[in-house]
Amino acid sequence: MQRPLGAQISHMLKARGVDVIFGIPGVHNQELYRGIEEAGITHVLARHEQGAGFMADGYARASGRPGVAYVITGPGLTNLMTPLGQAYSDSVPVLAISSGLNDVAARQGQLHQMLDQRAAAATVCAASDEARDADAAYALIDRAFAAFAGARPRPRHVQVPIPLLEGDAPSPPPPPAAPVLPRAPDAVLEQAVCALVAAKKPLFILGGGARGAAPVMADLLALTGGAAFVTYAGRGCVPQDNPMFCGSYLSRPDSARVLAEADLIVAAGTELAQVDLWRDDPGHRCPVLRIDIDPGVLAQCRAGDIPVLADAGAFLQALRIAIPARAEARAPAWDAAGIAAARRRWRAEVEAEYPGVVPVVEALRACLPDDAMIYSDMTQFAYAAKEVWDMPRPGHWHHPFGFGTLGYALPAAIGGALARPGLPTIAIAGDYGFQYTLQELGTAVELGFPLPILLWDNGKLGAIEASMTRAQIAPNAVIARNPDFLALARAYGAHAADPDSAGGLARALTAAFAADRPTLIRVTPAMAV
């Protein structure tokens, strides 16, 4: 059937499982909107393209399916580039489809003109391509979905010239078979089993890419006598109450001493990046069994290491099956009392670094449902919580880890709530970062989500003030005049609460999860007093 290409693209996305698109219509991309309703896709109107990108990111993290955003030429795409950069660093499948000008070389002075918007998007995407005909548009979209399913998921951008979107095009092809993640050969599995059986003191480090291993980690630790850390993104992969669990304290300098005690490190689904360790040398002096779907991560292996190109969760599950055939479960090689003491020491360091924050974190933790999905922003509250808050399940705390952008929490939580209707979702933001995307309160109110938005209001850029002080720099430009956040929330049509105690916070959250719209809950350091 011949339809304008913009309409065909929406039908193509629907056939590939897309049921929600985030974006803002404009004269340059309106042809993309011709087919949305006809295809049966829900469109969520953001208040800014940055919000649309974060919503797509949050939706993808919560649903496990790609998030899709429609944006206009030029400023629409540049506004989206911050969320695309965040999705790239955190391995989130986001597909951005933008319109484009037909010519930017011979013609000058066009609306929304950029010198090369495709190249601009390429700086924050795994791929950024332009379709020159309908078949190319279909092929590029299918290539994006194949990459999301069969490799490390990272954002991709496809731009389509406006005249092409407006012109008639044949129906897109049917969806191709989805690729599967790489599976390690049996010989590699055997090598890994032998290494673990021979190790006397193995140490597992699980990242966000190892979430599929959560059901078997208790057994793996018992079988190998090992202990385990998780990265911030890997929280929930190891049972909270396991005595061999060292927590998410890898960034504590003293964790290097623990890594130095191991005779084998199993790094699964993690880059061990700067934002995981905050030091150049992890501290180990032993071989590493490194399991990842990204060959670039495996390129970091040194002589004596064992690189495994595979889905980390699936490979760890295979180890759980294979190891009992080679060895019986062994007594823990690590001292449980020593691990517990180290955790208490590291927690005390966090409490000293973030005065007044941890008691409020614990108050929130005590009253939050176990199945709540949390989206946090770059704020002291989240920095402390990422270390002291062990998650009961993986993939339920999402944070802008790598790119580290402000303004992430609220729009990402909107996308997450849309992906999990009827299940609890909460946003956690600081008073400064919240103002980057607070206009998305309008979107949340329109959708009618019972979304609590916990606002940590300390009246300043607290983490930057502390960093300046440590660097012996007189704190400068760290205090800004805040609005009346409660009045602002009500102006958007949201509910607002200002609890002054742990009990008040619990009551506010209970009411917020049962409400007919979002609720801004303002908390301050005074609550900890």
Protein backbone atom coordinates (compact mmCIF):
# COMPACT_ATOMS: atom_id res chain seq x y z
CA MET A 1 0.00 0.00 0.00
CA GLN A 2 1.33 3.42 -0.95
CA ARG A 3 1.34 5.99 1.86
CA PRO A 4 3.54 8.97 2.68
CA LEU A 5 6.79 7.61 4.09
CA GLY A 6 6.26 9.36 7.43
CA ALA A 7 3.08 7.35 7.95
CA GLN A 8 4.75 4.14 6.79
CA ILE A 9 7.49 4.54 9.38
CA SER A 10 4.94 4.62 12.21
CA HIS A 11 3.29 1.45 10.88
CA MET A 12 6.71 -0.17 10.59
CA LEU A 13 7.53 0.64 14.21
CA LYS A 14 4.20 -0.75 15.39
CA ALA A 15 4.89 -4.01 13.57
CA ARG A 16 8.19 -4.21 15.46
CA GLY A 17 6.58 -3.89 18.88
CA VAL A 18 6.69 -0.13 19.44
CA ASP A 19 3.56 1.03 21.25
CA VAL A 20 4.75 4.40 22.60
CA ILE A 21 6.61 7.28 20.94
CA PHE A 22 7.89 10.34 22.80
CA GLY A 23 8.39 13.66 21.10
CA ILE A 24 7.20 17.08 20.02
CA PRO A 25 5.58 17.68 16.62
CA GLY A 26 6.72 20.53 14.42
CA VAL A 27 6.33 21.61 10.83
CA HIS A 28 9.49 19.71 9.92
CA ASN A 29 8.46 16.33 11.32
CA GLN A 30 4.67 16.48 11.13
CA GLU A 31 4.63 13.80 8.42
CA LEU A 32 5.88 11.31 11.01
CA TYR A 33 2.69 12.03 12.94
CA ARG A 34 0.38 11.22 10.01
CA GLY A 35 0.45 7.50 10.80
CA ILE A 36 0.75 7.40 14.60
CA GLU A 37 -2.93 7.08 15.50
CA GLU A 38 -3.71 4.92 12.48
CA ALA A 39 -0.95 2.52 13.55
CA GLY A 40 -2.32 2.39 17.11
CA ILE A 41 0.70 3.99 18.77
CA THR A 42 0.43 6.23 21.83
CA HIS A 43 2.30 9.52 21.54
CA VAL A 44 3.53 11.28 24.69
CA LEU A 45 3.96 15.03 24.30
CA ALA A 46 7.04 16.22 26.16
CA ARG A 47 7.60 19.87 27.03
CA HIS A 48 11.18 19.82 25.70
CA GLU A 49 13.04 17.40 23.45
CA GLN A 50 15.44 16.70 26.29
CA GLY A 51 12.47 15.48 28.29
CA ALA A 52 11.31 13.32 25.38
CA GLY A 53 14.73 11.68 25.18
CA PHE A 54 14.88 10.94 28.89
CA MET A 55 11.33 9.55 28.74
CA ALA A 56 12.38 7.19 25.95
CA ASP A 57 15.42 6.19 28.03
CA GLY A 58 13.32 5.54 31.14
CA TYR A 59 10.78 3.57 29.13
CA ALA A 60 13.52 1.39 27.63
CA ARG A 61 15.12 0.68 31.00
CA ALA A 62 11.80 -0.31 32.56
CA SER A 63 10.36 -2.30 29.68
CA GLY A 64 13.44 -3.89 28.13
CA ARG A 65 12.20 -2.65 24.74
CA PRO A 66 13.65 0.21 22.70
CA GLY A 67 12.46 3.72 23.48
CA VAL A 68 11.59 5.82 20.44
CA ALA A 69 11.64 9.61 20.04
CA TYR A 70 10.47 11.79 17.14
CA VAL A 71 12.14 15.21 16.81
CA ILE A 72 12.45 17.99 14.29
CA THR A 73 15.44 19.09 12.28
CA GLY A 74 18.20 21.13 13.90
CA PRO A 75 17.33 22.29 17.43
CA GLY A 76 15.00 19.35 18.02
CA LEU A 77 17.87 16.97 17.49
CA THR A 78 20.44 19.04 19.38
CA ASN A 79 18.06 19.22 22.35
CA LEU A 80 17.84 15.43 22.21
CA MET A 81 21.59 14.89 22.14
CA THR A 82 22.05 15.08 25.91
CA PRO A 83 19.64 12.16 26.50
CA LEU A 84 21.27 10.28 23.63
CA GLY A 85 24.66 10.77 25.27
CA GLN A 86 23.25 9.48 28.54
CA ALA A 87 21.74 6.44 26.81
CA TYR A 88 25.07 5.74 25.12
CA SER A 89 27.06 5.71 28.36
CA ASP A 90 24.47 3.56 30.16
CA SER A 91 23.80 1.09 27.30
CA VAL A 92 20.15 1.98 26.73
CA PRO A 93 18.37 1.20 23.42
CA VAL A 94 16.92 4.51 22.22
CA LEU A 95 15.98 5.14 18.58
CA ALA A 96 15.83 8.80 17.54
CA ILE A 97 14.09 9.54 14.26
CA SER A 98 14.46 13.09 13.03
CA SER A 99 13.55 14.99 9.92
CA GLY A 100 16.28 16.62 7.90
CA LEU A 101 16.76 19.23 5.23
CA ASN A 102 17.24 17.99 1.70
CA ASP A 103 20.24 20.22 1.09
CA VAL A 104 22.45 22.21 3.46
CA ALA A 105 25.30 22.98 1.10
CA ALA A 106 23.87 25.00 -1.79
CA ARG A 107 20.93 26.51 0.10
CA GLN A 108 21.49 28.77 3.08
CA GLY A 109 19.19 30.44 5.59
CA GLN A 110 16.69 27.59 5.88
CA LEU A 111 14.59 27.05 8.98
CA HIS A 112 16.39 24.85 11.56
CA GLN A 113 19.47 24.57 9.36
CA MET A 114 22.64 22.96 10.67
CA LEU A 115 25.91 22.34 8.89
CA ASP A 116 25.71 18.58 9.50
CA GLN A 117 23.18 17.32 12.02
CA ARG A 118 23.86 13.67 11.16
CA ALA A 119 27.50 14.10 12.15
CA ALA A 120 26.49 15.97 15.31
CA ALA A 121 24.32 13.07 16.47
CA ALA A 122 27.10 10.61 15.66
CA THR A 123 29.11 12.00 18.58
CA VAL A 124 26.60 10.55 21.08
CA CYS A 125 25.15 7.55 19.21
CA ALA A 126 26.37 4.13 18.17
CA ALA A 127 25.25 5.09 14.66
CA SER A 128 23.77 8.15 12.99
CA ASP A 129 22.63 7.71 9.39
CA GLU A 130 20.58 9.49 6.76
CA ALA A 131 18.05 7.69 4.59
CA ARG A 132 17.99 8.79 0.96
CA ASP A 133 15.02 6.66 -0.09
CA ALA A 134 12.24 4.67 1.53
CA ASP A 135 14.07 1.35 1.32
CA ALA A 136 17.07 2.90 3.07
CA ALA A 137 14.84 4.27 5.86
CA TYR A 138 13.35 0.83 6.44
CA ALA A 139 16.77 -0.84 6.36
CA LEU A 140 18.29 1.62 8.83
CA ILE A 141 15.41 1.20 11.28
CA ASP A 142 15.68 -2.59 11.10
CA ARG A 143 19.44 -2.33 11.53
CA ALA A 144 18.86 -0.36 14.72
CA PHE A 145 16.49 -2.97 16.14
CA ALA A 146 18.91 -5.76 15.23
CA ALA A 147 21.73 -3.95 17.02
CA PHE A 148 19.56 -3.45 20.10
CA ALA A 149 18.77 -7.18 20.26
CA GLY A 150 22.09 -8.72 19.28
CA ALA A 151 24.79 -6.48 20.73
CA ARG A 152 25.42 -3.96 23.46
CA PRO A 153 22.34 -1.72 23.24
CA ARG A 154 23.18 1.90 22.54
CA PRO A 155 21.22 4.74 20.96
CA ARG A 156 20.96 5.16 17.22
CA HIS A 157 19.75 8.05 15.07
CA VAL A 158 18.05 7.93 11.67
CA GLN A 159 17.29 11.14 9.84
CA VAL A 160 14.94 11.37 6.88
CA PRO A 161 14.80 14.40 4.55
CA ILE A 162 11.48 16.24 4.69
CA PRO A 163 10.60 15.77 0.99
CA LEU A 164 11.13 12.03 1.41
CA LEU A 165 8.83 11.92 4.45
CA GLU A 166 6.15 13.72 2.44
CA GLY A 167 6.40 11.49 -0.63
CA ASP A 168 4.51 8.25 -1.18
CA ALA A 169 6.34 5.03 -0.40
CA PRO A 170 5.54 1.32 -0.54
CA SER A 171 4.73 -0.61 2.62
CA PRO A 172 7.73 -1.56 4.76
CA PRO A 173 8.91 -5.17 4.76
CA PRO A 174 7.69 -7.55 7.47
CA PRO A 175 9.81 -7.69 10.62
CA PRO A 176 12.92 -9.85 10.22
CA ALA A 177 13.92 -12.50 12.73
CA ALA A 178 15.59 -10.92 15.73
CA PRO A 179 19.24 -11.82 16.32
CA VAL A 180 20.34 -13.41 19.57
CA LEU A 181 23.16 -12.38 21.86
CA PRO A 182 26.49 -14.14 21.34
CA ARG A 183 27.01 -17.47 23.11
CA ALA A 184 30.47 -18.51 24.20
CA PRO A 185 31.83 -21.77 22.75
CA ASP A 186 31.88 -24.82 25.00
CA ALA A 187 35.68 -24.67 25.14
CA VAL A 188 35.52 -21.18 26.63
CA LEU A 189 32.95 -22.32 29.18
CA GLU A 190 35.25 -25.21 30.11
CA GLN A 191 38.18 -22.81 30.53
CA ALA A 192 36.11 -20.59 32.82
CA VAL A 193 34.92 -23.57 34.89
CA CYS A 194 38.50 -24.78 35.34
CA ALA A 195 39.64 -21.32 36.41
CA LEU A 196 36.88 -21.03 39.02
CA VAL A 197 37.40 -24.57 40.35
CA ALA A 198 41.14 -23.90 40.71
CA ALA A 199 40.70 -20.52 42.39
CA LYS A 200 41.00 -20.51 46.15
CA LYS A 201 39.57 -17.04 46.73
CA PRO A 202 37.47 -15.84 43.77
CA LEU A 203 35.76 -12.46 43.79
CA PHE A 204 32.79 -11.65 41.56
CA ILE A 205 32.08 -8.10 40.37
CA LEU A 206 28.68 -7.80 38.73
CA GLY A 207 27.54 -4.85 36.63
CA GLY A 208 24.29 -3.89 35.00
CA GLY A 209 24.94 -6.31 32.17
CA ALA A 210 24.79 -9.28 34.56
CA ARG A 211 21.21 -8.85 35.75
CA GLY A 212 20.21 -12.19 34.29
CA ALA A 213 22.50 -13.91 36.80
CA ALA A 214 20.56 -12.76 39.87
CA PRO A 215 18.68 -16.07 40.33
CA VAL A 216 21.91 -18.11 40.48
CA MET A 217 24.36 -15.84 42.32
CA ALA A 218 23.73 -17.27 45.78
CA ASP A 219 24.46 -20.75 44.41
CA LEU A 220 27.55 -19.58 42.54
CA LEU A 221 29.01 -18.02 45.66
CA ALA A 222 28.34 -21.21 47.62
CA LEU A 223 29.81 -23.43 44.90
CA THR A 224 32.99 -21.39 44.52
CA GLY A 225 33.52 -20.07 48.03
CA GLY A 226 33.57 -16.61 46.48
CA ALA A 227 32.56 -13.14 47.57
CA ALA A 228 30.94 -10.43 45.44
CA PHE A 229 30.75 -6.72 44.80
CA VAL A 230 28.20 -5.06 42.54
CA THR A 231 28.54 -1.82 40.64
CA TYR A 232 25.88 0.83 41.15
CA ALA A 233 24.09 -0.43 38.03
CA GLY A 234 24.45 -4.03 39.21
CA ARG A 235 22.69 -3.60 42.53
CA GLY A 236 20.17 -6.37 43.10
CA CYS A 237 22.24 -9.04 41.32
CA VAL A 238 23.40 -10.52 44.64
CA PRO A 239 21.03 -11.27 47.55
CA GLN A 240 21.18 -8.46 50.10
CA ASP A 241 21.55 -10.79 53.07
CA ASN A 242 24.31 -13.00 51.64
CA PRO A 243 27.25 -12.92 54.12
CA MET A 244 29.70 -12.92 51.18
CA PHE A 245 28.17 -9.77 49.68
CA CYS A 246 30.46 -6.74 49.84
CA GLY A 247 27.81 -4.32 48.55
CA SER A 248 28.16 -1.51 46.02
CA TYR A 249 31.17 0.03 47.74
CA LEU A 250 33.68 -0.35 44.90
CA SER A 251 34.35 3.39 44.91
CA ARG A 252 35.58 3.24 48.51
CA PRO A 253 39.42 3.39 48.33
CA ASP A 254 39.70 0.50 50.81
CA SER A 255 37.88 -1.81 48.38
CA ALA A 256 41.19 -2.06 46.49
CA ARG A 257 42.55 -4.01 49.46
CA VAL A 258 39.74 -6.56 49.07
CA LEU A 259 40.37 -6.93 45.34
CA ALA A 260 44.07 -7.48 46.11
CA GLU A 261 43.17 -10.52 48.26
CA ALA A 262 41.45 -12.35 45.38
CA ASP A 263 43.22 -14.93 43.24
CA LEU A 264 40.59 -14.64 40.47
CA ILE A 265 38.29 -11.75 39.59
CA VAL A 266 35.09 -12.53 37.69
CA ALA A 267 34.02 -9.22 36.11
CA ALA A 268 30.63 -9.80 34.53
CA GLY A 269 28.68 -7.22 32.55
CA THR A 270 30.75 -4.27 33.72
CA GLU A 271 33.33 -1.95 32.20
CA LEU A 272 34.82 -1.23 35.63
CA ALA A 273 34.70 2.35 34.45
CA GLN A 274 35.81 5.49 36.25
CA VAL A 275 32.27 6.02 37.54
CA ASP A 276 32.36 2.55 39.11
CA LEU A 277 35.75 2.80 40.83
CA TRP A 278 36.89 6.44 40.95
CA ARG A 279 40.49 5.27 40.79
CA ASP A 280 42.81 4.20 37.98
CA ASP A 281 43.91 0.89 39.51
CA PRO A 282 41.15 -1.44 40.73
CA GLY A 283 43.69 -3.06 43.07
CA HIS A 284 43.76 -6.69 41.91
CA ARG A 285 46.95 -8.54 40.98
CA CYS A 286 45.30 -11.73 39.74
CA PRO A 287 43.80 -12.92 36.45
CA VAL A 288 40.35 -11.68 35.43
CA LEU A 289 37.59 -13.79 33.93
CA ARG A 290 35.88 -11.03 31.98
CA ILE A 291 32.40 -11.66 30.55
CA ASP A 292 30.81 -9.05 28.30
CA ILE A 293 28.86 -8.66 25.06
CA ASP A 294 31.03 -5.72 24.01
CA PRO A 295 34.34 -6.66 22.34
CA GLY A 296 35.65 -3.22 23.21
CA VAL A 297 35.37 -4.03 26.91
CA LEU A 298 37.16 -7.35 26.40
CA ALA A 299 40.00 -5.47 24.68
CA GLN A 300 40.99 -4.25 28.16
CA CYS A 301 42.03 -7.78 29.13
CA ARG A 302 45.68 -8.35 30.02
CA ALA A 303 47.93 -11.35 29.54
CA GLY A 304 46.58 -14.22 31.62
CA ASP A 305 42.99 -12.94 31.65
CA ILE A 306 40.13 -14.94 30.15
CA PRO A 307 37.93 -12.87 27.79
CA VAL A 308 34.43 -14.23 27.20
CA LEU A 309 32.24 -12.68 24.51
CA ALA A 310 28.76 -13.57 25.75
CA ASP A 311 25.72 -12.32 27.57
CA ALA A 312 27.00 -12.15 31.16
CA GLY A 313 23.79 -13.33 32.80
CA ALA A 314 23.44 -16.34 30.54
CA PHE A 315 27.10 -17.29 30.92
CA LEU A 316 26.96 -17.14 34.73
CA GLN A 317 23.86 -19.32 34.63
CA ALA A 318 25.80 -21.80 32.50
CA LEU A 319 28.62 -21.76 35.07
CA ARG A 320 26.10 -22.54 37.80
CA ILE A 321 25.09 -25.67 35.88
CA ALA A 322 28.60 -26.73 34.86
CA ILE A 323 30.57 -26.28 38.09
CA PRO A 324 28.84 -29.01 40.18
CA ALA A 325 29.97 -31.57 37.61
CA ARG A 326 33.59 -30.62 38.34
CA ALA A 327 33.59 -29.81 42.05
CA GLU A 328 31.42 -29.86 45.14
CA ALA A 329 30.39 -26.76 47.00
CA ARG A 330 33.18 -25.48 49.20
CA ALA A 331 33.40 -23.56 52.44
CA PRO A 332 33.58 -19.79 52.04
CA ALA A 333 37.12 -18.66 51.37
CA TRP A 334 36.31 -15.18 52.60
CA ASP A 335 35.77 -14.07 56.18
CA ALA A 336 32.12 -13.11 56.65
CA ALA A 337 32.92 -11.11 59.79
CA GLY A 338 35.60 -9.19 57.90
CA ILE A 339 33.20 -8.39 55.07
CA ALA A 340 30.57 -7.18 57.54
CA ALA A 341 33.13 -5.00 59.33
CA ALA A 342 34.31 -3.51 56.04
CA ARG A 343 30.73 -2.73 55.07
CA ARG A 344 30.13 -0.96 58.37
CA ARG A 345 33.31 1.04 57.87
CA TRP A 346 32.40 2.02 54.32
CA ARG A 347 28.90 3.01 55.36
CA ALA A 348 30.36 5.24 58.07
CA GLU A 349 32.50 6.93 55.40
CA VAL A 350 29.39 7.65 53.32
CA GLU A 351 27.59 9.09 56.35
CA ALA A 352 30.57 11.36 57.04
CA GLU A 353 30.76 12.53 53.42
CA TYR A 354 27.03 13.29 53.17
CA PRO A 355 25.96 14.66 56.56
CA GLY A 356 22.24 14.38 57.19
CA VAL A 357 21.51 12.46 54.00
CA VAL A 358 21.70 8.80 55.03
CA PRO A 359 18.96 9.02 57.73
CA VAL A 360 16.54 10.40 55.12
CA VAL A 361 17.65 7.71 52.65
CA GLU A 362 16.85 5.07 55.25
CA ALA A 363 13.49 6.67 56.00
CA LEU A 364 12.59 6.46 52.33
CA ARG A 365 13.85 2.91 52.02
CA ALA A 366 11.76 1.78 54.97
CA CYS A 367 8.50 2.91 53.39
CA LEU A 368 9.09 2.14 49.71
CA PRO A 369 7.55 -1.02 48.20
CA ASP A 370 10.09 -3.69 47.22
CA ASP A 371 8.92 -3.63 43.60
CA ALA A 372 9.26 0.14 43.26
CA MET A 373 11.31 1.34 40.31
CA ILE A 374 13.50 4.31 41.18
CA TYR A 375 14.85 7.00 38.85
CA SER A 376 17.38 9.35 40.40
CA ASP A 377 19.16 12.49 39.34
CA MET A 378 22.65 13.79 40.00
CA THR A 379 22.13 14.75 43.62
CA GLN A 380 23.74 14.10 47.00
CA PHE A 381 20.75 12.02 48.03
CA ALA A 382 21.36 9.58 45.17
CA TYR A 383 25.14 9.57 45.60
CA ALA A 384 24.74 8.34 49.17
CA ALA A 385 21.87 5.98 48.41
CA LYS A 386 23.76 4.23 45.60
CA GLU A 387 26.21 2.92 48.20
CA VAL A 388 24.11 2.25 51.30
CA TRP A 389 20.91 1.04 49.66
CA ASP A 390 21.07 -2.62 48.58
CA MET A 391 18.34 -3.35 46.06
CA PRO A 392 16.13 -6.45 46.47
CA ARG A 393 16.14 -7.07 42.70
CA PRO A 394 18.19 -5.91 39.73
CA GLY A 395 17.18 -3.28 37.20
CA HIS A 396 15.04 -1.28 39.61
CA TRP A 397 17.26 1.76 40.28
CA HIS A 398 18.13 3.87 37.25
CA HIS A 399 20.59 6.74 37.40
CA PRO A 400 22.51 8.84 34.85
CA PHE A 401 25.74 7.03 35.69
CA GLY A 402 28.19 7.72 32.89
CA PHE A 403 27.26 10.94 31.12
CA GLY A 404 26.06 12.31 34.46
CA THR A 405 23.46 14.75 33.21
CA LEU A 406 21.17 16.80 35.40
CA GLY A 407 17.42 16.73 34.83
CA TYR A 408 17.19 12.99 34.21
CA ALA A 409 14.96 11.71 37.01
CA LEU A 410 11.53 13.23 36.37
CA PRO A 411 11.15 12.59 32.63
CA ALA A 412 12.83 9.18 32.85
CA ALA A 413 10.42 8.20 35.62
CA ILE A 414 7.52 9.26 33.41
CA GLY A 415 8.75 6.86 30.74
CA GLY A 416 9.26 4.16 33.35
CA ALA A 417 5.79 4.60 34.80
CA LEU A 418 4.28 4.35 31.32
CA ALA A 419 6.12 1.06 30.79
CA ARG A 420 4.86 -0.40 34.09
CA PRO A 421 1.22 0.65 34.53
CA GLY A 422 -0.09 -0.09 37.99
CA LEU A 423 3.36 -0.67 39.50
CA PRO A 424 5.13 1.83 41.79
CA THR A 425 7.61 4.26 40.24
CA ILE A 426 9.38 7.15 41.99
CA ALA A 427 11.65 9.99 40.89
CA ILE A 428 14.39 11.38 43.15
CA ALA A 429 15.88 14.75 42.25
CA GLY A 430 17.88 17.53 43.81
CA ASP A 431 16.59 21.07 43.98
CA TYR A 432 18.98 22.30 41.27
CA GLY A 433 18.82 19.43 38.78
CA PHE A 434 15.03 19.27 39.08
CA GLN A 435 14.81 22.69 37.49
CA TYR A 436 16.43 21.41 34.27
CA THR A 437 13.28 19.48 33.34
CA LEU A 438 10.61 20.50 35.85
CA GLN A 439 8.33 21.50 32.97
CA GLU A 440 7.73 17.79 32.39
CA LEU A 441 5.43 17.98 35.42
CA GLY A 442 2.88 19.07 32.82
CA THR A 443 3.33 15.80 30.92
CA ALA A 444 3.07 13.74 34.11
CA VAL A 445 -0.13 15.53 35.14
CA GLU A 446 -1.65 14.98 31.68
CA LEU A 447 -0.92 11.27 31.92
CA GLY A 448 -2.45 11.06 35.40
CA PHE A 449 0.29 8.92 36.89
CA PRO A 450 0.47 8.36 40.67
CA LEU A 451 4.15 9.33 40.54
CA PRO A 452 5.90 10.48 43.73
CA ILE A 453 8.70 12.97 43.01
CA LEU A 454 11.00 13.20 46.00
CA LEU A 455 12.80 16.54 45.91
CA TRP A 456 15.95 16.80 48.02
CA ASP A 457 16.03 20.53 48.80
CA ASN A 458 19.20 21.65 50.56
CA GLY A 459 19.14 25.08 48.91
CA LYS A 460 22.46 24.68 47.10
CA LEU A 461 24.74 22.58 44.93
CA GLY A 462 25.84 20.62 47.96
CA ALA A 463 28.14 18.12 46.24
CA ILE A 464 29.95 20.89 44.34
CA GLU A 465 30.31 22.96 47.50
CA ALA A 466 31.90 20.00 49.26
CA SER A 467 34.20 19.32 46.30
CA MET A 468 35.37 22.94 46.22
CA THR A 469 36.02 22.85 49.93
CA ARG A 470 38.11 19.66 49.64
CA ALA A 471 40.09 21.31 46.83
CA GLN A 472 40.65 24.39 49.04
CA ILE A 473 38.60 26.56 46.69
CA ALA A 474 36.31 29.09 48.31
CA PRO A 475 32.81 27.83 47.39
CA ASN A 476 31.54 30.03 44.60
CA ALA A 477 28.27 30.03 42.64
CA VAL A 478 26.85 27.07 44.57
CA ILE A 479 23.76 28.79 45.97
CA ALA A 480 20.82 29.80 43.79
CA ARG A 481 17.44 31.23 44.67
CA ASN A 482 14.89 28.44 44.63
CA PRO A 483 11.23 28.89 43.75
CA ASP A 484 8.40 27.78 45.99
CA PHE A 485 8.50 24.21 44.72
CA LEU A 486 5.20 23.24 46.35
CA ALA A 487 3.36 26.15 44.77
CA LEU A 488 5.02 25.42 41.44
CA ALA A 489 3.87 21.79 41.54
CA ARG A 490 0.31 22.86 42.33
CA ALA A 491 0.42 25.38 39.49
CA TYR A 492 1.07 22.49 37.11
CA GLY A 493 -1.87 20.62 38.63
CA ALA A 494 0.19 18.20 40.71
CA HIS A 495 -0.20 17.42 44.39
CA ALA A 496 2.45 18.62 46.83
CA ALA A 497 3.62 17.56 50.29
CA ASP A 498 6.23 18.84 52.73
CA PRO A 499 6.81 16.16 55.41
CA ASP A 500 9.06 17.01 58.34
CA SER A 501 9.58 13.51 59.77
CA ALA A 502 10.09 9.90 58.72
CA GLY A 503 6.48 9.16 59.61
CA GLY A 504 5.31 12.12 57.57
CA LEU A 505 7.36 10.90 54.60
CA ALA A 506 5.77 7.44 54.84
CA ARG A 507 2.28 8.95 54.89
CA ALA A 508 3.09 11.24 51.97
CA LEU A 509 4.40 8.33 49.89
CA THR A 510 1.40 6.15 50.66
CA ALA A 511 -0.91 8.94 49.53
CA ALA A 512 1.22 9.66 46.45
CA PHE A 513 1.12 6.05 45.22
CA ALA A 514 -2.67 6.10 45.53
CA ALA A 515 -3.18 9.53 43.97
CA ASP A 516 -4.71 10.40 40.61
CA ARG A 517 -1.72 12.46 39.51
CA PRO A 518 1.95 13.06 40.45
CA THR A 519 2.92 14.36 43.88
CA LEU A 520 5.96 16.50 44.62
CA ILE A 521 7.35 15.57 48.06
CA ARG A 522 9.88 18.08 49.34
CA VAL A 523 12.37 16.85 51.92
CA THR A 524 15.22 18.76 53.51
CA PRO A 525 18.23 17.94 55.68
CA ALA A 526 16.18 19.12 58.65
CA MET A 527 14.25 15.84 58.49
CA ALA A 528 17.36 14.04 59.74
CA VAL A 529 17.65 16.18 62.84
